[in-house]
Amino acid sequence: MIYRLLVVAVTMLMTGHALAEKLTVMTVAPQIRQFIGPAVPNGMPNSIPENEQEKSRITLVKDAGQYRWLSRGDIPVTKVNSGEVNIFVALGGQGYVEITPTGQSQCVYLVKEHVRNVRMDITYWGCTEQFNP
């Protein structure tokens, strides 16, 4: 009987840890995008149409103490601070997310996501009111 209780307790602890929710650090649908590459060496930032913003959503989570870039394949990132700026850098060099407090009520945090792929670099900008490092 005691053995069964112990097995159930250990199983519940292990399952609870495995099923623990990911903490959302920050999520935002960006409003501005910029392409830079051989075809557009000096690309200008452009507004993202409202019906396309959700497709470019930027999401960072914290899972079991590890920061992850959920919107880019759930890859691990390292958090680096530079003054008030928080930078989440992909460990494989895929890019980074930079979060800067603005002191403004309409855009509490400015979020900049910079990603690299084979053809070009893409930078997204958006504003969010929530940031939970």
N, C-alpha and C. Protein backbone atom coordinates (compact mmCIF):
# COMPACT_ATOMS: atom_id res chain seq x y z
N MET A 1 0.83 -1.20 0.00
CA MET A 1 0.00 0.00 0.00
C MET A 1 0.87 1.25 0.00
N ILE A 2 1.85 1.31 0.90
CA ILE A 2 2.74 2.47 0.97
C ILE A 2 3.53 2.59 -0.33
N TYR A 3 3.95 1.45 -0.87
CA TYR A 3 4.69 1.47 -2.14
C TYR A 3 3.85 2.08 -3.24
N ARG A 4 2.57 1.69 -3.32
CA ARG A 4 1.67 2.23 -4.36
C ARG A 4 1.50 3.74 -4.19
N LEU A 5 1.34 4.21 -2.96
CA LEU A 5 1.20 5.64 -2.71
C LEU A 5 2.45 6.39 -3.13
N LEU A 6 3.60 5.81 -2.84
CA LEU A 6 4.86 6.42 -3.21
C LEU A 6 4.98 6.50 -4.74
N VAL A 7 4.62 5.44 -5.43
CA VAL A 7 4.68 5.43 -6.90
C VAL A 7 3.74 6.48 -7.47
N VAL A 8 2.52 6.58 -6.92
CA VAL A 8 1.56 7.58 -7.39
C VAL A 8 2.09 8.99 -7.14
N ALA A 9 2.66 9.24 -5.96
CA ALA A 9 3.18 10.56 -5.63
C ALA A 9 4.33 10.95 -6.56
N VAL A 10 5.25 10.03 -6.80
CA VAL A 10 6.38 10.31 -7.68
C VAL A 10 5.89 10.55 -9.11
N THR A 11 4.94 9.75 -9.56
CA THR A 11 4.38 9.93 -10.90
C THR A 11 3.71 11.28 -11.04
N MET A 12 2.96 11.71 -10.03
CA MET A 12 2.30 13.01 -10.07
C MET A 12 3.32 14.14 -10.13
N LEU A 13 4.39 14.03 -9.35
CA LEU A 13 5.42 15.06 -9.38
C LEU A 13 6.09 15.14 -10.74
N MET A 14 6.42 13.98 -11.30
CA MET A 14 7.08 13.97 -12.60
C MET A 14 6.15 14.47 -13.69
N THR A 15 4.91 14.04 -13.68
CA THR A 15 3.94 14.48 -14.68
C THR A 15 3.66 15.96 -14.55
N GLY A 16 3.52 16.44 -13.34
CA GLY A 16 3.26 17.86 -13.11
C GLY A 16 4.38 18.71 -13.66
N HIS A 17 5.62 18.27 -13.47
CA HIS A 17 6.75 19.02 -14.01
C HIS A 17 6.74 18.98 -15.53
N ALA A 18 6.46 17.83 -16.10
CA ALA A 18 6.46 17.69 -17.56
C ALA A 18 5.34 18.49 -18.21
N LEU A 19 4.23 18.65 -17.49
CA LEU A 19 3.10 19.36 -18.05
C LEU A 19 3.03 20.83 -17.63
N ALA A 20 4.06 21.30 -16.94
CA ALA A 20 4.06 22.68 -16.48
C ALA A 20 3.93 23.62 -17.67
N GLU A 21 3.12 24.65 -17.50
CA GLU A 21 2.90 25.60 -18.58
C GLU A 21 4.13 26.45 -18.82
N LYS A 22 4.29 26.83 -20.07
CA LYS A 22 5.34 27.76 -20.43
C LYS A 22 4.87 29.15 -20.04
N LEU A 23 5.74 29.93 -19.43
CA LEU A 23 5.43 31.31 -19.08
C LEU A 23 5.69 32.18 -20.30
N THR A 24 4.68 32.94 -20.72
CA THR A 24 4.87 33.85 -21.84
C THR A 24 5.64 35.07 -21.34
N VAL A 25 6.82 35.27 -21.88
CA VAL A 25 7.66 36.40 -21.52
C VAL A 25 7.17 37.65 -22.26
N MET A 26 6.87 37.48 -23.55
CA MET A 26 6.42 38.60 -24.38
C MET A 26 5.83 38.03 -25.67
N THR A 27 4.76 38.66 -26.14
CA THR A 27 4.21 38.32 -27.44
C THR A 27 3.63 39.58 -28.07
N VAL A 28 3.86 39.74 -29.35
CA VAL A 28 3.39 40.93 -30.06
C VAL A 28 3.25 40.61 -31.55
N ALA A 29 2.22 41.17 -32.17
CA ALA A 29 2.08 41.11 -33.63
C ALA A 29 2.71 42.39 -34.17
N PRO A 30 3.86 42.31 -34.84
CA PRO A 30 4.57 43.51 -35.28
C PRO A 30 3.80 44.31 -36.34
N GLN A 31 4.07 45.60 -36.34
CA GLN A 31 3.41 46.50 -37.29
C GLN A 31 4.30 46.92 -38.45
N ILE A 32 5.63 46.75 -38.28
CA ILE A 32 6.59 47.22 -39.29
C ILE A 32 7.57 46.10 -39.62
N ARG A 33 7.97 46.01 -40.90
CA ARG A 33 8.91 44.99 -41.36
C ARG A 33 9.89 45.62 -42.34
N GLN A 34 11.14 45.14 -42.30
CA GLN A 34 12.18 45.62 -43.22
C GLN A 34 12.97 44.43 -43.74
N PHE A 35 13.12 44.37 -45.06
CA PHE A 35 13.93 43.34 -45.71
C PHE A 35 15.25 43.95 -46.12
N ILE A 36 16.36 43.22 -45.86
CA ILE A 36 17.67 43.67 -46.32
C ILE A 36 18.41 42.46 -46.88
N GLY A 37 18.91 42.60 -48.10
CA GLY A 37 19.63 41.51 -48.75
C GLY A 37 20.12 41.97 -50.10
N PRO A 38 20.71 41.06 -50.89
CA PRO A 38 21.25 41.44 -52.19
C PRO A 38 20.22 42.12 -53.11
N ALA A 39 18.98 41.67 -53.06
CA ALA A 39 17.95 42.25 -53.94
C ALA A 39 17.44 43.59 -53.39
N VAL A 40 17.58 43.80 -52.09
CA VAL A 40 17.12 45.05 -51.46
C VAL A 40 18.18 45.52 -50.45
N PRO A 41 19.36 45.98 -50.94
CA PRO A 41 20.46 46.30 -50.04
C PRO A 41 20.15 47.41 -49.04
N ASN A 42 19.32 48.35 -49.39
CA ASN A 42 18.95 49.43 -48.47
C ASN A 42 17.44 49.45 -48.28
N GLY A 43 16.89 48.30 -47.95
CA GLY A 43 15.45 48.18 -47.82
C GLY A 43 14.87 49.14 -46.80
N MET A 44 13.76 49.73 -47.13
CA MET A 44 13.08 50.67 -46.24
C MET A 44 12.06 49.92 -45.39
N PRO A 45 11.91 50.32 -44.13
CA PRO A 45 10.86 49.71 -43.30
C PRO A 45 9.48 50.03 -43.89
N ASN A 46 8.60 49.04 -43.86
CA ASN A 46 7.24 49.19 -44.39
C ASN A 46 6.23 48.70 -43.38
N SER A 47 5.06 49.31 -43.37
CA SER A 47 3.97 48.84 -42.52
C SER A 47 3.51 47.47 -43.00
N ILE A 48 3.21 46.60 -42.04
CA ILE A 48 2.65 45.29 -42.36
C ILE A 48 1.14 45.44 -42.38
N PRO A 49 0.48 45.02 -43.45
CA PRO A 49 -0.99 45.10 -43.47
C PRO A 49 -1.59 44.38 -42.26
N GLU A 50 -2.65 44.93 -41.69
CA GLU A 50 -3.25 44.36 -40.49
C GLU A 50 -3.60 42.89 -40.64
N ASN A 51 -4.06 42.48 -41.82
CA ASN A 51 -4.45 41.08 -42.02
C ASN A 51 -3.24 40.14 -42.11
N GLU A 52 -2.01 40.67 -42.13
CA GLU A 52 -0.80 39.85 -42.18
C GLU A 52 0.01 39.90 -40.88
N GLN A 53 -0.32 40.80 -39.97
CA GLN A 53 0.47 41.00 -38.76
C GLN A 53 0.52 39.74 -37.88
N GLU A 54 -0.60 39.06 -37.76
CA GLU A 54 -0.65 37.87 -36.90
C GLU A 54 0.29 36.78 -37.38
N LYS A 55 0.50 36.68 -38.70
CA LYS A 55 1.41 35.67 -39.26
C LYS A 55 2.86 35.91 -38.81
N SER A 56 3.17 37.16 -38.45
CA SER A 56 4.54 37.52 -38.05
C SER A 56 4.70 37.65 -36.54
N ARG A 57 3.73 37.15 -35.78
CA ARG A 57 3.74 37.30 -34.31
C ARG A 57 5.07 36.85 -33.73
N ILE A 58 5.58 37.65 -32.79
CA ILE A 58 6.84 37.37 -32.09
C ILE A 58 6.47 36.90 -30.68
N THR A 59 6.96 35.73 -30.28
CA THR A 59 6.65 35.20 -28.96
C THR A 59 7.89 34.60 -28.31
N LEU A 60 8.17 35.05 -27.10
CA LEU A 60 9.22 34.47 -26.26
C LEU A 60 8.56 33.83 -25.06
N VAL A 61 9.05 32.66 -24.65
CA VAL A 61 8.53 31.98 -23.47
C VAL A 61 9.68 31.58 -22.56
N LYS A 62 9.32 31.24 -21.34
CA LYS A 62 10.29 30.68 -20.40
C LYS A 62 9.76 29.33 -19.99
N ASP A 63 10.54 28.28 -20.22
CA ASP A 63 10.13 26.90 -19.96
C ASP A 63 11.20 26.23 -19.11
N ALA A 64 10.84 25.89 -17.89
CA ALA A 64 11.77 25.23 -16.97
C ALA A 64 13.07 26.03 -16.81
N GLY A 65 12.93 27.36 -16.70
CA GLY A 65 14.09 28.21 -16.49
C GLY A 65 14.85 28.59 -17.75
N GLN A 66 14.47 28.05 -18.89
CA GLN A 66 15.15 28.31 -20.17
C GLN A 66 14.29 29.21 -21.04
N TYR A 67 14.87 30.28 -21.55
CA TYR A 67 14.15 31.14 -22.50
C TYR A 67 14.13 30.48 -23.87
N ARG A 68 12.98 30.61 -24.56
CA ARG A 68 12.82 30.00 -25.87
C ARG A 68 12.09 30.97 -26.80
N TRP A 69 12.48 30.96 -28.06
CA TRP A 69 11.89 31.80 -29.10
C TRP A 69 10.81 30.95 -29.77
N LEU A 70 9.64 30.95 -29.19
CA LEU A 70 8.56 30.07 -29.61
C LEU A 70 8.14 30.32 -31.05
N SER A 71 8.08 31.58 -31.47
CA SER A 71 7.63 31.91 -32.81
C SER A 71 8.64 31.58 -33.90
N ARG A 72 9.82 31.18 -33.54
CA ARG A 72 10.86 30.79 -34.51
C ARG A 72 11.29 29.35 -34.28
N GLY A 73 10.33 28.47 -34.10
CA GLY A 73 10.64 27.05 -33.97
C GLY A 73 10.99 26.62 -32.57
N ASP A 74 10.62 27.41 -31.57
CA ASP A 74 10.87 27.05 -30.17
C ASP A 74 12.35 26.82 -29.90
N ILE A 75 13.21 27.68 -30.46
CA ILE A 75 14.65 27.52 -30.29
C ILE A 75 15.12 28.21 -29.00
N PRO A 76 16.16 27.68 -28.37
CA PRO A 76 16.67 28.31 -27.14
C PRO A 76 17.35 29.64 -27.43
N VAL A 77 17.17 30.57 -26.49
CA VAL A 77 17.81 31.88 -26.57
C VAL A 77 18.43 32.21 -25.22
N THR A 78 19.43 33.05 -25.26
CA THR A 78 20.09 33.54 -24.06
C THR A 78 19.71 34.99 -23.84
N LYS A 79 19.36 35.33 -22.60
CA LYS A 79 18.97 36.70 -22.27
C LYS A 79 20.21 37.48 -21.85
N VAL A 80 20.38 38.65 -22.49
CA VAL A 80 21.49 39.55 -22.18
C VAL A 80 20.89 40.92 -21.91
N ASN A 81 21.36 41.58 -20.88
CA ASN A 81 20.88 42.93 -20.58
C ASN A 81 21.96 43.94 -20.93
N SER A 82 21.51 45.07 -21.47
CA SER A 82 22.39 46.20 -21.72
C SER A 82 21.64 47.43 -21.21
N GLY A 83 21.89 47.78 -19.97
CA GLY A 83 21.12 48.84 -19.34
C GLY A 83 19.69 48.38 -19.19
N GLU A 84 18.74 49.17 -19.68
CA GLU A 84 17.33 48.80 -19.60
C GLU A 84 16.88 47.91 -20.76
N VAL A 85 17.75 47.71 -21.73
CA VAL A 85 17.41 46.91 -22.91
C VAL A 85 17.64 45.43 -22.61
N ASN A 86 16.66 44.61 -22.96
CA ASN A 86 16.76 43.15 -22.81
C ASN A 86 16.90 42.56 -24.20
N ILE A 87 17.93 41.74 -24.40
CA ILE A 87 18.19 41.13 -25.70
C ILE A 87 18.19 39.62 -25.53
N PHE A 88 17.41 38.94 -26.36
CA PHE A 88 17.32 37.48 -26.35
C PHE A 88 17.97 36.99 -27.63
N VAL A 89 19.14 36.36 -27.51
CA VAL A 89 19.95 35.97 -28.66
C VAL A 89 19.83 34.47 -28.90
N ALA A 90 19.53 34.09 -30.14
CA ALA A 90 19.43 32.67 -30.50
C ALA A 90 20.81 32.03 -30.41
N LEU A 91 20.87 30.88 -29.77
CA LEU A 91 22.15 30.20 -29.56
C LEU A 91 22.77 29.72 -30.87
N GLY A 92 21.96 29.51 -31.91
CA GLY A 92 22.47 29.05 -33.20
C GLY A 92 22.75 30.16 -34.19
N GLY A 93 22.61 31.42 -33.75
CA GLY A 93 22.90 32.55 -34.62
C GLY A 93 21.77 32.95 -35.56
N GLN A 94 20.56 32.43 -35.33
CA GLN A 94 19.44 32.74 -36.22
C GLN A 94 18.95 34.17 -36.10
N GLY A 95 19.28 34.85 -35.01
CA GLY A 95 18.85 36.22 -34.83
C GLY A 95 18.68 36.57 -33.37
N TYR A 96 17.90 37.63 -33.12
CA TYR A 96 17.68 38.08 -31.74
C TYR A 96 16.39 38.86 -31.64
N VAL A 97 15.92 39.00 -30.40
CA VAL A 97 14.78 39.85 -30.09
C VAL A 97 15.26 40.85 -29.04
N GLU A 98 15.00 42.11 -29.31
CA GLU A 98 15.43 43.20 -28.41
C GLU A 98 14.17 43.88 -27.87
N ILE A 99 14.11 44.05 -26.55
CA ILE A 99 12.95 44.67 -25.91
C ILE A 99 13.42 45.87 -25.12
N THR A 100 12.90 47.05 -25.47
CA THR A 100 13.34 48.31 -24.88
C THR A 100 12.16 49.05 -24.27
N PRO A 101 12.24 49.41 -22.98
CA PRO A 101 11.16 50.23 -22.42
C PRO A 101 11.21 51.63 -23.02
N THR A 102 10.02 52.19 -23.30
CA THR A 102 9.96 53.49 -23.96
C THR A 102 9.56 54.62 -23.03
N GLY A 103 8.88 54.29 -21.94
CA GLY A 103 8.37 55.33 -21.05
C GLY A 103 7.10 55.98 -21.58
N GLN A 104 6.52 55.39 -22.64
CA GLN A 104 5.29 55.94 -23.23
C GLN A 104 4.14 54.97 -22.98
N SER A 105 2.97 55.51 -22.71
CA SER A 105 1.82 54.65 -22.41
C SER A 105 1.28 53.92 -23.64
N GLN A 106 1.39 54.51 -24.83
CA GLN A 106 0.86 53.87 -26.03
C GLN A 106 1.80 52.79 -26.57
N CYS A 107 3.05 52.80 -26.15
CA CYS A 107 4.03 51.78 -26.55
C CYS A 107 4.98 51.59 -25.37
N VAL A 108 4.56 50.78 -24.40
CA VAL A 108 5.34 50.63 -23.17
C VAL A 108 6.70 49.99 -23.47
N TYR A 109 6.70 48.97 -24.34
CA TYR A 109 7.95 48.30 -24.74
C TYR A 109 8.01 48.25 -26.27
N LEU A 110 9.13 48.68 -26.82
CA LEU A 110 9.38 48.54 -28.25
C LEU A 110 10.10 47.21 -28.46
N VAL A 111 9.56 46.39 -29.33
CA VAL A 111 10.13 45.07 -29.61
C VAL A 111 10.70 45.08 -31.02
N LYS A 112 11.95 44.64 -31.12
CA LYS A 112 12.62 44.53 -32.43
C LYS A 112 13.07 43.07 -32.57
N GLU A 113 12.63 42.43 -33.63
CA GLU A 113 13.06 41.06 -33.93
C GLU A 113 13.89 41.10 -35.20
N HIS A 114 15.08 40.54 -35.13
CA HIS A 114 15.96 40.50 -36.30
C HIS A 114 16.28 39.04 -36.59
N VAL A 115 15.89 38.59 -37.78
CA VAL A 115 16.14 37.19 -38.16
C VAL A 115 16.95 37.15 -39.44
N ARG A 116 17.74 36.08 -39.55
CA ARG A 116 18.58 35.88 -40.73
C ARG A 116 18.15 34.60 -41.42
N ASN A 117 18.14 34.64 -42.73
CA ASN A 117 17.99 33.41 -43.49
C ASN A 117 18.97 33.46 -44.65
N VAL A 118 18.93 32.49 -45.49
CA VAL A 118 19.92 32.37 -46.56
C VAL A 118 19.88 33.56 -47.51
N ARG A 119 18.68 34.05 -47.82
CA ARG A 119 18.53 35.08 -48.84
C ARG A 119 18.64 36.50 -48.32
N MET A 120 18.19 36.75 -47.06
CA MET A 120 18.17 38.12 -46.56
C MET A 120 17.97 38.16 -45.06
N ASP A 121 18.14 39.35 -44.51
CA ASP A 121 17.82 39.62 -43.11
C ASP A 121 16.46 40.30 -43.07
N ILE A 122 15.69 39.99 -42.06
CA ILE A 122 14.37 40.61 -41.89
C ILE A 122 14.29 41.16 -40.47
N THR A 123 13.85 42.40 -40.34
CA THR A 123 13.67 43.02 -39.04
C THR A 123 12.21 43.41 -38.90
N TYR A 124 11.63 43.08 -37.74
CA TYR A 124 10.25 43.41 -37.42
C TYR A 124 10.24 44.33 -36.20
N TRP A 125 9.27 45.26 -36.15
CA TRP A 125 9.10 46.11 -34.99
C TRP A 125 7.64 46.08 -34.55
N GLY A 126 7.45 46.12 -33.24
CA GLY A 126 6.09 46.18 -32.70
C GLY A 126 6.14 46.75 -31.28
N CYS A 127 4.96 47.06 -30.75
CA CYS A 127 4.84 47.60 -29.40
C CYS A 127 4.00 46.66 -28.55
N THR A 128 4.35 46.54 -27.29
CA THR A 128 3.58 45.73 -26.37
C THR A 128 3.52 46.41 -25.01
N GLU A 129 2.49 46.09 -24.27
CA GLU A 129 2.35 46.62 -22.91
C GLU A 129 2.87 45.61 -21.88
N GLN A 130 3.03 44.36 -22.28
CA GLN A 130 3.41 43.29 -21.34
C GLN A 130 4.81 42.75 -21.63
N PHE A 131 5.59 42.65 -20.57
CA PHE A 131 6.91 42.01 -20.66
C PHE A 131 7.19 41.41 -19.28
N ASN A 132 7.35 40.09 -19.25
CA ASN A 132 7.56 39.36 -17.99
C ASN A 132 8.85 38.57 -18.03
N PRO A 133 9.98 39.24 -17.80
CA PRO A 133 11.26 38.53 -17.90
C PRO A 133 11.43 37.51 -16.79
